[in-house]
Amino acid sequence: MMTAEGVKGLRTVVLDCPEPRELAEFYRGLLGGEIIEEESDRTWVALLDPQGRRLAFQLAPEYQPPTFPDPRASQQIHLDILVRDVEVAEPAVLALGAKFVQAAENFRVYTDPVGHTFCLVWLEE
């Protein structure tokens, strides 16, 4: 299927947060890559991951974290992070500042340091 006329594709996924640089550092620790920021704009920091995908962090002074799994303050978006071995990856993400939320058969749910939900997922081999 083609994109809508005139559309090239998705450029960046952007997460609101209280401290863009700090959250960018968390995700660089998780995903690797290069942090891109402009000296003149501390309200926006981007992470270019090793595969060339962009994840950005935008200052939201009144940021309120979601309270997953409570539907009254829904997560609105979450990231699925593919891992080779969850037993190796989990201690690493916890050391970076993630918090464990719950486990399921093929994924585990965590929150980043400011409350965004993400999952470590693995494929059955």
PDB file of N, CA and C in Angstrom:
ATOM      1  N   MET A   1       0.839  -1.179   0.000  1.00  0.00           N
ATOM      2  CA  MET A   1       0.000   0.000   0.000  1.00  0.00           C
ATOM      3  C   MET A   1       0.883   1.240   0.000  1.00  0.00           C
ATOM      4  N   MET A   2       0.525   2.194  -0.762  1.00  0.00           N
ATOM      5  CA  MET A   2       1.254   3.456  -0.866  1.00  0.00           C
ATOM      6  C   MET A   2       0.869   4.376   0.294  1.00  0.00           C
ATOM      7  N   THR A   3       1.754   5.335   0.576  1.00  0.00           N
ATOM      8  CA  THR A   3       1.400   6.360   1.555  1.00  0.00           C
ATOM      9  C   THR A   3       0.386   7.310   0.930  1.00  0.00           C
ATOM     10  N   ALA A   4      -0.246   8.118   1.754  1.00  0.00           N
ATOM     11  CA  ALA A   4      -1.163   9.135   1.242  1.00  0.00           C
ATOM     12  C   ALA A   4      -0.395  10.067   0.308  1.00  0.00           C
ATOM     13  N   GLU A   5      -1.067  10.584  -0.676  1.00  0.00           N
ATOM     14  CA  GLU A   5      -0.420  11.443  -1.665  1.00  0.00           C
ATOM     15  C   GLU A   5       0.327  12.579  -0.979  1.00  0.00           C
ATOM     16  N   GLY A   6       1.576  12.765  -1.357  1.00  0.00           N
ATOM     17  CA  GLY A   6       2.408  13.821  -0.804  1.00  0.00           C
ATOM     18  C   GLY A   6       3.121  13.454   0.485  1.00  0.00           C
ATOM     19  N   VAL A   7       2.826  12.291   1.061  1.00  0.00           N
ATOM     20  CA  VAL A   7       3.429  11.877   2.329  1.00  0.00           C
ATOM     21  C   VAL A   7       4.592  10.932   2.056  1.00  0.00           C
ATOM     22  N   LYS A   8       5.756  11.203   2.693  1.00  0.00           N
ATOM     23  CA  LYS A   8       6.914  10.327   2.544  1.00  0.00           C
ATOM     24  C   LYS A   8       6.933   9.230   3.595  1.00  0.00           C
ATOM     25  N   GLY A   9       6.522   9.540   4.823  1.00  0.00           N
ATOM     26  CA  GLY A   9       6.529   8.539   5.878  1.00  0.00           C
ATOM     27  C   GLY A   9       6.718   9.164   7.246  1.00  0.00           C
ATOM     28  N   LEU A  10       6.741   8.319   8.250  1.00  0.00           N
ATOM     29  CA  LEU A  10       6.898   8.760   9.635  1.00  0.00           C
ATOM     30  C   LEU A  10       8.346   9.186   9.871  1.00  0.00           C
ATOM     31  N   ARG A  11       8.555  10.379  10.390  1.00  0.00           N
ATOM     32  CA  ARG A  11       9.912  10.855  10.662  1.00  0.00           C
ATOM     33  C   ARG A  11      10.327  10.592  12.107  1.00  0.00           C
ATOM     34  N   THR A  12       9.467  10.949  13.067  1.00  0.00           N
ATOM     35  CA  THR A  12       9.863  10.917  14.469  1.00  0.00           C
ATOM     36  C   THR A  12       8.674  10.562  15.352  1.00  0.00           C
ATOM     37  N   VAL A  13       8.927   9.768  16.381  1.00  0.00           N
ATOM     38  CA  VAL A  13       7.962   9.566  17.458  1.00  0.00           C
ATOM     39  C   VAL A  13       8.421  10.481  18.592  1.00  0.00           C
ATOM     40  N   VAL A  14       7.513  11.289  19.120  1.00  0.00           N
ATOM     41  CA  VAL A  14       7.864  12.300  20.117  1.00  0.00           C
ATOM     42  C   VAL A  14       7.143  12.007  21.429  1.00  0.00           C
ATOM     43  N   LEU A  15       7.895  12.032  22.523  1.00  0.00           N
ATOM     44  CA  LEU A  15       7.333  11.833  23.858  1.00  0.00           C
ATOM     45  C   LEU A  15       7.450  13.128  24.659  1.00  0.00           C
ATOM     46  N   ASP A  16       6.364  13.551  25.282  1.00  0.00           N
ATOM     47  CA  ASP A  16       6.416  14.679  26.211  1.00  0.00           C
ATOM     48  C   ASP A  16       7.119  14.229  27.488  1.00  0.00           C
ATOM     49  N   CYS A  17       7.815  15.170  28.133  1.00  0.00           N
ATOM     50  CA  CYS A  17       8.509  14.830  29.378  1.00  0.00           C
ATOM     51  C   CYS A  17       8.942  16.105  30.096  1.00  0.00           C
ATOM     52  N   PRO A  18       9.305  15.998  31.379  1.00  0.00           N
ATOM     53  CA  PRO A  18       9.737  17.179  32.116  1.00  0.00           C
ATOM     54  C   PRO A  18      11.200  17.553  31.868  1.00  0.00           C
ATOM     55  N   GLU A  19      12.046  16.596  31.470  1.00  0.00           N
ATOM     56  CA  GLU A  19      13.476  16.836  31.258  1.00  0.00           C
ATOM     57  C   GLU A  19      13.924  16.110  29.984  1.00  0.00           C
ATOM     58  N   PRO A  20      13.867  16.757  28.818  1.00  0.00           N
ATOM     59  CA  PRO A  20      14.173  16.072  27.559  1.00  0.00           C
ATOM     60  C   PRO A  20      15.551  15.404  27.509  1.00  0.00           C
ATOM     61  N   ARG A  21      16.585  16.085  27.959  1.00  0.00           N
ATOM     62  CA  ARG A  21      17.937  15.510  27.877  1.00  0.00           C
ATOM     63  C   ARG A  21      18.042  14.248  28.737  1.00  0.00           C
ATOM     64  N   GLU A  22      17.495  14.280  29.939  1.00  0.00           N
ATOM     65  CA  GLU A  22      17.571  13.118  30.829  1.00  0.00           C
ATOM     66  C   GLU A  22      16.846  11.914  30.235  1.00  0.00           C
ATOM     67  N   LEU A  23      15.670  12.136  29.656  1.00  0.00           N
ATOM     68  CA  LEU A  23      14.942  11.016  29.072  1.00  0.00           C
ATOM     69  C   LEU A  23      15.641  10.511  27.809  1.00  0.00           C
ATOM     70  N   ALA A  24      16.240  11.400  27.042  1.00  0.00           N
ATOM     71  CA  ALA A  24      17.025  10.983  25.872  1.00  0.00           C
ATOM     72  C   ALA A  24      18.187  10.089  26.304  1.00  0.00           C
ATOM     73  N   GLU A  25      18.837  10.432  27.402  1.00  0.00           N
ATOM     74  CA  GLU A  25      19.943   9.604  27.918  1.00  0.00           C
ATOM     75  C   GLU A  25      19.442   8.215  28.313  1.00  0.00           C
ATOM     76  N   PHE A  26      18.274   8.144  28.944  1.00  0.00           N
ATOM     77  CA  PHE A  26      17.706   6.845  29.301  1.00  0.00           C
ATOM     78  C   PHE A  26      17.525   5.988  28.053  1.00  0.00           C
ATOM     79  N   TYR A  27      16.888   6.544  27.030  1.00  0.00           N
ATOM     80  CA  TYR A  27      16.622   5.759  25.820  1.00  0.00           C
ATOM     81  C   TYR A  27      17.893   5.482  25.020  1.00  0.00           C
ATOM     82  N   ARG A  28      18.906   6.350  25.105  1.00  0.00           N
ATOM     83  CA  ARG A  28      20.186   6.025  24.466  1.00  0.00           C
ATOM     84  C   ARG A  28      20.813   4.829  25.177  1.00  0.00           C
ATOM     85  N   GLY A  29      20.710   4.781  26.491  1.00  0.00           N
ATOM     86  CA  GLY A  29      21.208   3.623  27.227  1.00  0.00           C
ATOM     87  C   GLY A  29      20.475   2.348  26.855  1.00  0.00           C
ATOM     88  N   LEU A  30      19.184   2.463  26.573  1.00  0.00           N
ATOM     89  CA  LEU A  30      18.362   1.312  26.206  1.00  0.00           C
ATOM     90  C   LEU A  30      18.577   0.888  24.762  1.00  0.00           C
ATOM     91  N   LEU A  31      18.572   1.842  23.837  1.00  0.00           N
ATOM     92  CA  LEU A  31      18.578   1.534  22.404  1.00  0.00           C
ATOM     93  C   LEU A  31      19.904   1.786  21.695  1.00  0.00           C
ATOM     94  N   GLY A  32      20.819   2.521  22.335  1.00  0.00           N
ATOM     95  CA  GLY A  32      22.026   2.946  21.637  1.00  0.00           C
ATOM     96  C   GLY A  32      21.703   4.151  20.774  1.00  0.00           C
ATOM     97  N   GLY A  33      22.686   4.604  20.017  1.00  0.00           N
ATOM     98  CA  GLY A  33      22.441   5.693  19.084  1.00  0.00           C
ATOM     99  C   GLY A  33      23.086   6.996  19.491  1.00  0.00           C
ATOM    100  N   GLU A  34      22.678   8.042  18.800  1.00  0.00           N
ATOM    101  CA  GLU A  34      23.279   9.364  18.942  1.00  0.00           C
ATOM    102  C   GLU A  34      22.222  10.378  19.359  1.00  0.00           C
ATOM    103  N   ILE A  35      22.553  11.164  20.372  1.00  0.00           N
ATOM    104  CA  ILE A  35      21.663  12.237  20.805  1.00  0.00           C
ATOM    105  C   ILE A  35      21.926  13.464  19.947  1.00  0.00           C
ATOM    106  N   ILE A  36      20.840  14.066  19.472  1.00  0.00           N
ATOM    107  CA  ILE A  36      20.917  15.255  18.628  1.00  0.00           C
ATOM    108  C   ILE A  36      20.153  16.365  19.339  1.00  0.00           C
ATOM    109  N   GLU A  37      20.850  17.463  19.611  1.00  0.00           N
ATOM    110  CA  GLU A  37      20.173  18.593  20.241  1.00  0.00           C
ATOM    111  C   GLU A  37      20.798  19.887  19.768  1.00  0.00           C
ATOM    112  N   GLU A  38      20.019  20.946  19.822  1.00  0.00           N
ATOM    113  CA  GLU A  38      20.493  22.265  19.441  1.00  0.00           C
ATOM    114  C   GLU A  38      20.725  23.081  20.695  1.00  0.00           C
ATOM    115  N   GLU A  39      21.857  23.770  20.739  1.00  0.00           N
ATOM    116  CA  GLU A  39      22.173  24.614  21.894  1.00  0.00           C
ATOM    117  C   GLU A  39      21.078  25.643  22.154  1.00  0.00           C
ATOM    118  N   SER A  40      20.457  26.138  21.089  1.00  0.00           N
ATOM    119  CA  SER A  40      19.474  27.212  21.224  1.00  0.00           C
ATOM    120  C   SER A  40      18.087  26.727  21.650  1.00  0.00           C
ATOM    121  N   ASP A  41      17.870  25.415  21.667  1.00  0.00           N
ATOM    122  CA  ASP A  41      16.532  24.902  21.982  1.00  0.00           C
ATOM    123  C   ASP A  41      16.628  23.731  22.951  1.00  0.00           C
ATOM    124  N   ARG A  42      16.485  24.016  24.229  1.00  0.00           N
ATOM    125  CA  ARG A  42      16.553  22.976  25.262  1.00  0.00           C
ATOM    126  C   ARG A  42      15.203  22.300  25.479  1.00  0.00           C
ATOM    127  N   THR A  43      14.202  22.651  24.677  1.00  0.00           N
ATOM    128  CA  THR A  43      12.875  22.063  24.842  1.00  0.00           C
ATOM    129  C   THR A  43      12.694  20.810  24.002  1.00  0.00           C
ATOM    130  N   TRP A  44      13.695  20.441  23.213  1.00  0.00           N
ATOM    131  CA  TRP A  44      13.566  19.333  22.264  1.00  0.00           C
ATOM    132  C   TRP A  44      14.914  18.634  22.129  1.00  0.00           C
ATOM    133  N   VAL A  45      14.936  17.336  22.343  1.00  0.00           N
ATOM    134  CA  VAL A  45      16.141  16.524  22.151  1.00  0.00           C
ATOM    135  C   VAL A  45      15.719  15.288  21.374  1.00  0.00           C
ATOM    136  N   ALA A  46      16.519  14.904  20.390  1.00  0.00           N
ATOM    137  CA  ALA A  46      16.195  13.722  19.587  1.00  0.00           C
ATOM    138  C   ALA A  46      17.260  12.655  19.777  1.00  0.00           C
ATOM    139  N   LEU A  47      16.851  11.418  19.585  1.00  0.00           N
ATOM    140  CA  LEU A  47      17.759  10.276  19.594  1.00  0.00           C
ATOM    141  C   LEU A  47      17.639   9.598  18.238  1.00  0.00           C
ATOM    142  N   LEU A  48      18.764   9.450  17.560  1.00  0.00           N
ATOM    143  CA  LEU A  48      18.817   8.711  16.305  1.00  0.00           C
ATOM    144  C   LEU A  48      19.369   7.337  16.650  1.00  0.00           C
ATOM    145  N   ASP A  49      18.527   6.299  16.559  1.00  0.00           N
ATOM    146  CA  ASP A  49      18.976   4.968  16.969  1.00  0.00           C
ATOM    147  C   ASP A  49      19.878   4.352  15.897  1.00  0.00           C
ATOM    148  N   PRO A  50      20.568   3.248  16.217  1.00  0.00           N
ATOM    149  CA  PRO A  50      21.505   2.655  15.263  1.00  0.00           C
ATOM    150  C   PRO A  50      20.877   2.241  13.927  1.00  0.00           C
ATOM    151  N   GLN A  51      19.568   2.051  13.879  1.00  0.00           N
ATOM    152  CA  GLN A  51      18.892   1.695  12.628  1.00  0.00           C
ATOM    153  C   GLN A  51      18.380   2.927  11.883  1.00  0.00           C
ATOM    154  N   GLY A  52      18.640   4.121  12.409  1.00  0.00           N
ATOM    155  CA  GLY A  52      18.242   5.354  11.742  1.00  0.00           C
ATOM    156  C   GLY A  52      16.862   5.875  12.112  1.00  0.00           C
ATOM    157  N   ARG A  53      16.211   5.259  13.091  1.00  0.00           N
ATOM    158  CA  ARG A  53      14.893   5.740  13.539  1.00  0.00           C
ATOM    159  C   ARG A  53      15.080   6.867  14.554  1.00  0.00           C
ATOM    160  N   ARG A  54      14.145   7.810  14.540  1.00  0.00           N
ATOM    161  CA  ARG A  54      14.217   8.968  15.441  1.00  0.00           C
ATOM    162  C   ARG A  54      13.156   8.871  16.533  1.00  0.00           C
ATOM    163  N   LEU A  55      13.611   9.072  17.766  1.00  0.00           N
ATOM    164  CA  LEU A  55      12.733   9.180  18.919  1.00  0.00           C
ATOM    165  C   LEU A  55      13.091  10.512  19.566  1.00  0.00           C
ATOM    166  N   ALA A  56      12.116  11.382  19.762  1.00  0.00           N
ATOM    167  CA  ALA A  56      12.409  12.704  20.309  1.00  0.00           C
ATOM    168  C   ALA A  56      11.677  12.918  21.626  1.00  0.00           C
ATOM    169  N   PHE A  57      12.184  13.878  22.387  1.00  0.00           N
ATOM    170  CA  PHE A  57      11.688  14.174  23.722  1.00  0.00           C
ATOM    171  C   PHE A  57      11.440  15.673  23.797  1.00  0.00           C
ATOM    172  N   GLN A  58      10.200  16.034  24.097  1.00  0.00           N
ATOM    173  CA  GLN A  58       9.767  17.427  24.071  1.00  0.00           C
ATOM    174  C   GLN A  58       9.399  17.885  25.472  1.00  0.00           C
ATOM    175  N   LEU A  59       9.914  19.053  25.856  1.00  0.00           N
ATOM    176  CA  LEU A  59       9.624  19.607  27.173  1.00  0.00           C
ATOM    177  C   LEU A  59       8.129  19.863  27.337  1.00  0.00           C
ATOM    178  N   ALA A  60       7.586  19.342  28.416  1.00  0.00           N
ATOM    179  CA  ALA A  60       6.191  19.581  28.796  1.00  0.00           C
ATOM    180  C   ALA A  60       6.215  19.940  30.282  1.00  0.00           C
ATOM    181  N   PRO A  61       6.311  21.230  30.614  1.00  0.00           N
ATOM    182  CA  PRO A  61       6.462  21.641  32.012  1.00  0.00           C
ATOM    183  C   PRO A  61       5.376  21.110  32.942  1.00  0.00           C
ATOM    184  N   GLU A  62       4.176  20.914  32.442  1.00  0.00           N
ATOM    185  CA  GLU A  62       3.070  20.420  33.262  1.00  0.00           C
ATOM    186  C   GLU A  62       2.845  18.924  33.058  1.00  0.00           C
ATOM    187  N   TYR A  63       3.861  18.208  32.609  1.00  0.00           N
ATOM    188  CA  TYR A  63       3.745  16.785  32.294  1.00  0.00           C
ATOM    189  C   TYR A  63       3.184  15.991  33.474  1.00  0.00           C
ATOM    190  N   GLN A  64       2.225  15.145  33.187  1.00  0.00           N
ATOM    191  CA  GLN A  64       1.668  14.200  34.153  1.00  0.00           C
ATOM    192  C   GLN A  64       1.813  12.806  33.562  1.00  0.00           C
ATOM    193  N   PRO A  65       2.504  11.903  34.223  1.00  0.00           N
ATOM    194  CA  PRO A  65       2.707  10.573  33.648  1.00  0.00           C
ATOM    195  C   PRO A  65       1.416   9.764  33.594  1.00  0.00           C
ATOM    196  N   PRO A  66       1.338   8.865  32.615  1.00  0.00           N
ATOM    197  CA  PRO A  66       0.209   7.943  32.584  1.00  0.00           C
ATOM    198  C   PRO A  66       0.283   7.009  33.788  1.00  0.00           C
ATOM    199  N   THR A  67      -0.819   6.391  34.124  1.00  0.00           N
ATOM    200  CA  THR A  67      -0.849   5.479  35.271  1.00  0.00           C
ATOM    201  C   THR A  67      -1.285   4.096  34.820  1.00  0.00           C
ATOM    202  N   PHE A  68      -0.582   3.561  33.843  1.00  0.00           N
ATOM    203  CA  PHE A  68      -0.875   2.225  33.331  1.00  0.00           C
ATOM    204  C   PHE A  68      -0.837   1.218  34.474  1.00  0.00           C
ATOM    205  N   PRO A  69      -1.788   0.339  34.574  1.00  0.00           N
ATOM    206  CA  PRO A  69      -2.872   0.035  33.646  1.00  0.00           C
ATOM    207  C   PRO A  69      -4.191   0.738  33.967  1.00  0.00           C
ATOM    208  N   ASP A  70      -4.190   1.772  34.774  1.00  0.00           N
ATOM    209  CA  ASP A  70      -5.415   2.504  35.121  1.00  0.00           C
ATOM    210  C   ASP A  70      -5.957   3.237  33.891  1.00  0.00           C
ATOM    211  N   PRO A  71      -7.167   2.927  33.428  1.00  0.00           N
ATOM    212  CA  PRO A  71      -7.696   3.548  32.214  1.00  0.00           C
ATOM    213  C   PRO A  71      -8.045   5.029  32.366  1.00  0.00           C
ATOM    214  N   ARG A  72      -8.085   5.542  33.583  1.00  0.00           N
ATOM    215  CA  ARG A  72      -8.427   6.959  33.779  1.00  0.00           C
ATOM    216  C   ARG A  72      -7.291   7.891  33.381  1.00  0.00           C
ATOM    217  N   ALA A  73      -6.088   7.391  33.288  1.00  0.00           N
ATOM    218  CA  ALA A  73      -4.936   8.183  32.827  1.00  0.00           C
ATOM    219  C   ALA A  73      -4.158   7.300  31.861  1.00  0.00           C
ATOM    220  N   SER A  74      -4.757   7.036  30.733  1.00  0.00           N
ATOM    221  CA  SER A  74      -4.248   6.025  29.807  1.00  0.00           C
ATOM    222  C   SER A  74      -2.848   6.341  29.305  1.00  0.00           C
ATOM    223  N   GLN A  75      -2.174   5.297  28.864  1.00  0.00           N
ATOM    224  CA  GLN A  75      -0.807   5.425  28.390  1.00  0.00           C
ATOM    225  C   GLN A  75      -0.711   6.165  27.064  1.00  0.00           C
ATOM    226  N   GLN A  76      -1.734   6.168  26.247  1.00  0.00           N
ATOM    227  CA  GLN A  76      -1.809   6.847  24.962  1.00  0.00           C
ATOM    228  C   GLN A  76      -0.850   6.286  23.920  1.00  0.00           C
ATOM    229  N   ILE A  77       0.344   5.936  24.275  1.00  0.00           N
ATOM    230  CA  ILE A  77       1.322   5.354  23.363  1.00  0.00           C
ATOM    231  C   ILE A  77       2.279   4.515  24.196  1.00  0.00           C
ATOM    232  N   HIS A  78       2.801   3.462  23.606  1.00  0.00           N
ATOM    233  CA  HIS A  78       3.890   2.745  24.259  1.00  0.00           C
ATOM    234  C   HIS A  78       4.833   2.226  23.189  1.00  0.00           C
ATOM    235  N   LEU A  79       6.048   1.892  23.603  1.00  0.00           N
ATOM    236  CA  LEU A  79       7.069   1.387  22.690  1.00  0.00           C
ATOM    237  C   LEU A  79       7.288  -0.089  22.955  1.00  0.00           C
ATOM    238  N   ASP A  80       7.381  -0.880  21.900  1.00  0.00           N
ATOM    239  CA  ASP A  80       7.768  -2.287  22.008  1.00  0.00           C
ATOM    240  C   ASP A  80       9.226  -2.394  21.593  1.00  0.00           C
ATOM    241  N   ILE A  81      10.072  -2.851  22.513  1.00  0.00           N
ATOM    242  CA  ILE A  81      11.506  -2.986  22.282  1.00  0.00           C
ATOM    243  C   ILE A  81      11.816  -4.471  22.131  1.00  0.00           C
ATOM    244  N   LEU A  82      12.288  -4.867  20.960  1.00  0.00           N
ATOM    245  CA  LEU A  82      12.611  -6.268  20.694  1.00  0.00           C
ATOM    246  C   LEU A  82      13.934  -6.623  21.361  1.00  0.00           C
ATOM    247  N   VAL A  83      13.953  -7.723  22.117  1.00  0.00           N
ATOM    248  CA  VAL A  83      15.174  -8.168  22.798  1.00  0.00           C
ATOM    249  C   VAL A  83      15.514  -9.595  22.387  1.00  0.00           C
ATOM    250  N   ARG A  84      16.812  -9.917  22.450  1.00  0.00           N
ATOM    251  CA  ARG A  84      17.257 -11.289  22.181  1.00  0.00           C
ATOM    252  C   ARG A  84      16.999 -12.182  23.388  1.00  0.00           C
ATOM    253  N   ASP A  85      17.270 -11.643  24.586  1.00  0.00           N
ATOM    254  CA  ASP A  85      17.144 -12.422  25.815  1.00  0.00           C
ATOM    255  C   ASP A  85      16.628 -11.503  26.916  1.00  0.00           C
ATOM    256  N   VAL A  86      15.386 -11.668  27.304  1.00  0.00           N
ATOM    257  CA  VAL A  86      14.781 -10.784  28.296  1.00  0.00           C
ATOM    258  C   VAL A  86      15.475 -10.906  29.648  1.00  0.00           C
ATOM    259  N   GLU A  87      16.021 -12.070  29.957  1.00  0.00           N
ATOM    260  CA  GLU A  87      16.688 -12.248  31.253  1.00  0.00           C
ATOM    261  C   GLU A  87      17.989 -11.451  31.323  1.00  0.00           C
ATOM    262  N   VAL A  88      18.583 -11.146  30.189  1.00  0.00           N
ATOM    263  CA  VAL A  88      19.767 -10.286  30.129  1.00  0.00           C
ATOM    264  C   VAL A  88      19.343  -8.819  30.049  1.00  0.00           C
ATOM    265  N   ALA A  89      18.324  -8.544  29.240  1.00  0.00           N
ATOM    266  CA  ALA A  89      17.889  -7.164  29.018  1.00  0.00           C
ATOM    267  C   ALA A  89      17.229  -6.542  30.249  1.00  0.00           C
ATOM    268  N   GLU A  90      16.460  -7.332  30.989  1.00  0.00           N
ATOM    269  CA  GLU A  90      15.721  -6.757  32.118  1.00  0.00           C
ATOM    270  C   GLU A  90      16.630  -6.098  33.157  1.00  0.00           C
ATOM    271  N   PRO A  91      17.684  -6.750  33.642  1.00  0.00           N
ATOM    272  CA  PRO A  91      18.533  -6.063  34.622  1.00  0.00           C
ATOM    273  C   PRO A  91      19.162  -4.786  34.064  1.00  0.00           C
ATOM    274  N   ALA A  92      19.445  -4.785  32.765  1.00  0.00           N
ATOM    275  CA  ALA A  92      20.033  -3.593  32.151  1.00  0.00           C
ATOM    276  C   ALA A  92      19.048  -2.430  32.145  1.00  0.00           C
ATOM    277  N   VAL A  93      17.785  -2.678  31.782  1.00  0.00           N
ATOM    278  CA  VAL A  93      16.814  -1.572  31.753  1.00  0.00           C
ATOM    279  C   VAL A  93      16.471  -1.104  33.165  1.00  0.00           C
ATOM    280  N   LEU A  94      16.454  -2.014  34.121  1.00  0.00           N
ATOM    281  CA  LEU A  94      16.204  -1.611  35.509  1.00  0.00           C
ATOM    282  C   LEU A  94      17.348  -0.748  36.031  1.00  0.00           C
ATOM    283  N   ALA A  95      18.572  -1.083  35.663  1.00  0.00           N
ATOM    284  CA  ALA A  95      19.731  -0.291  36.078  1.00  0.00           C
ATOM    285  C   ALA A  95      19.711   1.108  35.467  1.00  0.00           C
ATOM    286  N   LEU A  96      19.111   1.243  34.293  1.00  0.00           N
ATOM    287  CA  LEU A  96      18.986   2.556  33.654  1.00  0.00           C
ATOM    288  C   LEU A  96      17.927   3.428  34.324  1.00  0.00           C
ATOM    289  N   GLY A  97      17.055   2.826  35.124  1.00  0.00           N
ATOM    290  CA  GLY A  97      16.021   3.593  35.809  1.00  0.00           C
ATOM    291  C   GLY A  97      14.597   3.198  35.478  1.00  0.00           C
ATOM    292  N   ALA A  98      14.421   2.153  34.674  1.00  0.00           N
ATOM    293  CA  ALA A  98      13.070   1.675  34.362  1.00  0.00           C
ATOM    294  C   ALA A  98      12.464   1.017  35.598  1.00  0.00           C
ATOM    295  N   LYS A  99      11.133   0.942  35.611  1.00  0.00           N
ATOM    296  CA  LYS A  99      10.419   0.236  36.680  1.00  0.00           C
ATOM    297  C   LYS A  99       9.588  -0.875  36.059  1.00  0.00           C
ATOM    298  N   PHE A 100       9.657  -2.059  36.653  1.00  0.00           N
ATOM    299  CA  PHE A 100       8.868  -3.199  36.193  1.00  0.00           C
ATOM    300  C   PHE A 100       7.407  -2.977  36.563  1.00  0.00           C
ATOM    301  N   VAL A 101       6.489  -3.322  35.621  1.00  0.00           N
ATOM    302  CA  VAL A 101       5.055  -3.186  35.873  1.00  0.00           C
ATOM    303  C   VAL A 101       4.380  -4.548  35.921  1.00  0.00           C
ATOM    304  N   GLN A 102       4.506  -5.327  34.846  1.00  0.00           N
ATOM    305  CA  GLN A 102       3.870  -6.643  34.821  1.00  0.00           C
ATOM    306  C   GLN A 102       4.457  -7.483  33.699  1.00  0.00           C
ATOM    307  N   ALA A 103       4.238  -8.788  33.797  1.00  0.00           N
ATOM    308  CA  ALA A 103       4.738  -9.730  32.791  1.00  0.00           C
ATOM    309  C   ALA A 103       3.577 -10.421  32.098  1.00  0.00           C
ATOM    310  N   ALA A 104       3.820 -10.819  30.864  1.00  0.00           N
ATOM    311  CA  ALA A 104       2.880 -11.629  30.091  1.00  0.00           C
ATOM    312  C   ALA A 104       3.697 -12.736  29.425  1.00  0.00           C
ATOM    313  N   GLU A 105       3.064 -13.500  28.560  1.00  0.00           N
ATOM    314  CA  GLU A 105       3.742 -14.655  27.974  1.00  0.00           C
ATOM    315  C   GLU A 105       4.952 -14.283  27.117  1.00  0.00           C
ATOM    316  N   ASN A 106       4.833 -13.297  26.242  1.00  0.00           N
ATOM    317  CA  ASN A 106       5.922 -12.946  25.327  1.00  0.00           C
ATOM    318  C   ASN A 106       6.410 -11.509  25.485  1.00  0.00           C
ATOM    319  N   PHE A 107       6.074 -10.873  26.587  1.00  0.00           N
ATOM    320  CA  PHE A 107       6.549  -9.513  26.814  1.00  0.00           C
ATOM    321  C   PHE A 107       6.479  -9.177  28.299  1.00  0.00           C
ATOM    322  N   ARG A 108       7.247  -8.162  28.671  1.00  0.00           N
ATOM    323  CA  ARG A 108       7.192  -7.602  30.023  1.00  0.00           C
ATOM    324  C   ARG A 108       7.018  -6.098  29.900  1.00  0.00           C
ATOM    325  N   VAL A 109       6.213  -5.545  30.790  1.00  0.00           N
ATOM    326  CA  VAL A 109       5.873  -4.127  30.741  1.00  0.00           C
ATOM    327  C   VAL A 109       6.688  -3.372  31.796  1.00  0.00           C
ATOM    328  N   TYR A 110       7.186  -2.195  31.398  1.00  0.00           N
ATOM    329  CA  TYR A 110       7.983  -1.329  32.268  1.00  0.00           C
ATOM    330  C   TYR A 110       7.529   0.107  32.060  1.00  0.00           C
ATOM    331  N   THR A 111       7.968   0.990  32.944  1.00  0.00           N
ATOM    332  CA  THR A 111       7.849   2.422  32.695  1.00  0.00           C
ATOM    333  C   THR A 111       9.243   3.022  32.694  1.00  0.00           C
ATOM    334  N   ASP A 112       9.421   4.056  31.872  1.00  0.00           N
ATOM    335  CA  ASP A 112      10.692   4.775  31.863  1.00  0.00           C
ATOM    336  C   ASP A 112      10.731   5.693  33.087  1.00  0.00           C
ATOM    337  N   PRO A 113      11.816   6.435  33.304  1.00  0.00           N
ATOM    338  CA  PRO A 113      11.919   7.250  34.516  1.00  0.00           C
ATOM    339  C   PRO A 113      10.820   8.296  34.713  1.00  0.00           C
ATOM    340  N   VAL A 114      10.107   8.683  33.648  1.00  0.00           N
ATOM    341  CA  VAL A 114       9.030   9.661  33.829  1.00  0.00           C
ATOM    342  C   VAL A 114       7.647   9.061  33.623  1.00  0.00           C
ATOM    343  N   GLY A 115       7.556   7.738  33.505  1.00  0.00           N
ATOM    344  CA  GLY A 115       6.262   7.069  33.494  1.00  0.00           C
ATOM    345  C   GLY A 115       5.722   6.589  32.167  1.00  0.00           C
ATOM    346  N   HIS A 116       6.432   6.829  31.047  1.00  0.00           N
ATOM    347  CA  HIS A 116       5.966   6.291  29.764  1.00  0.00           C
ATOM    348  C   HIS A 116       6.107   4.772  29.785  1.00  0.00           C
ATOM    349  N   THR A 117       5.120   4.097  29.265  1.00  0.00           N
ATOM    350  CA  THR A 117       5.125   2.638  29.232  1.00  0.00           C
ATOM    351  C   THR A 117       5.913   2.132  28.031  1.00  0.00           C
ATOM    352  N   PHE A 118       6.711   1.082  28.259  1.00  0.00           N
ATOM    353  CA  PHE A 118       7.346   0.369  27.155  1.00  0.00           C
ATOM    354  C   PHE A 118       7.390  -1.103  27.509  1.00  0.00           C
ATOM    355  N   CYS A 119       7.532  -1.928  26.490  1.00  0.00           N
ATOM    356  CA  CYS A 119       7.582  -3.379  26.686  1.00  0.00           C
ATOM    357  C   CYS A 119       8.873  -3.938  26.125  1.00  0.00           C
ATOM    358  N   LEU A 120       9.439  -4.892  26.827  1.00  0.00           N
ATOM    359  CA  LEU A 120      10.480  -5.734  26.248  1.00  0.00           C
ATOM    360  C   LEU A 120       9.745  -6.930  25.670  1.00  0.00           C
ATOM    361  N   VAL A 121       9.912  -7.158  24.380  1.00  0.00           N
ATOM    362  CA  VAL A 121       9.216  -8.248  23.695  1.00  0.00           C
ATOM    363  C   VAL A 121      10.243  -9.180  23.069  1.00  0.00           C
ATOM    364  N   TRP A 122       9.870 -10.438  22.964  1.00  0.00           N
ATOM    365  CA  TRP A 122      10.752 -11.408  22.325  1.00  0.00           C
ATOM    366  C   TRP A 122       9.921 -12.330  21.457  1.00  0.00           C
ATOM    367  N   LEU A 123      10.575 -12.882  20.461  1.00  0.00           N
ATOM    368  CA  LEU A 123       9.914 -13.785  19.527  1.00  0.00           C
ATOM    369  C   LEU A 123      10.243 -15.212  19.911  1.00  0.00           C
ATOM    370  N   GLU A 124       9.273 -16.081  19.832  1.00  0.00           N
ATOM    371  CA  GLU A 124       9.511 -17.498  20.097  1.00  0.00           C
ATOM    372  C   GLU A 124      10.312 -18.077  18.943  1.00  0.00           C
ATOM    373  N   GLU A 125      11.328 -18.852  19.272  1.00  0.00           N
ATOM    374  CA  GLU A 125      12.152 -19.455  18.214  1.00  0.00           C
ATOM    375  C   GLU A 125      11.879 -20.920  18.090  1.00  0.00           C
TER     376      GLU A 125
END
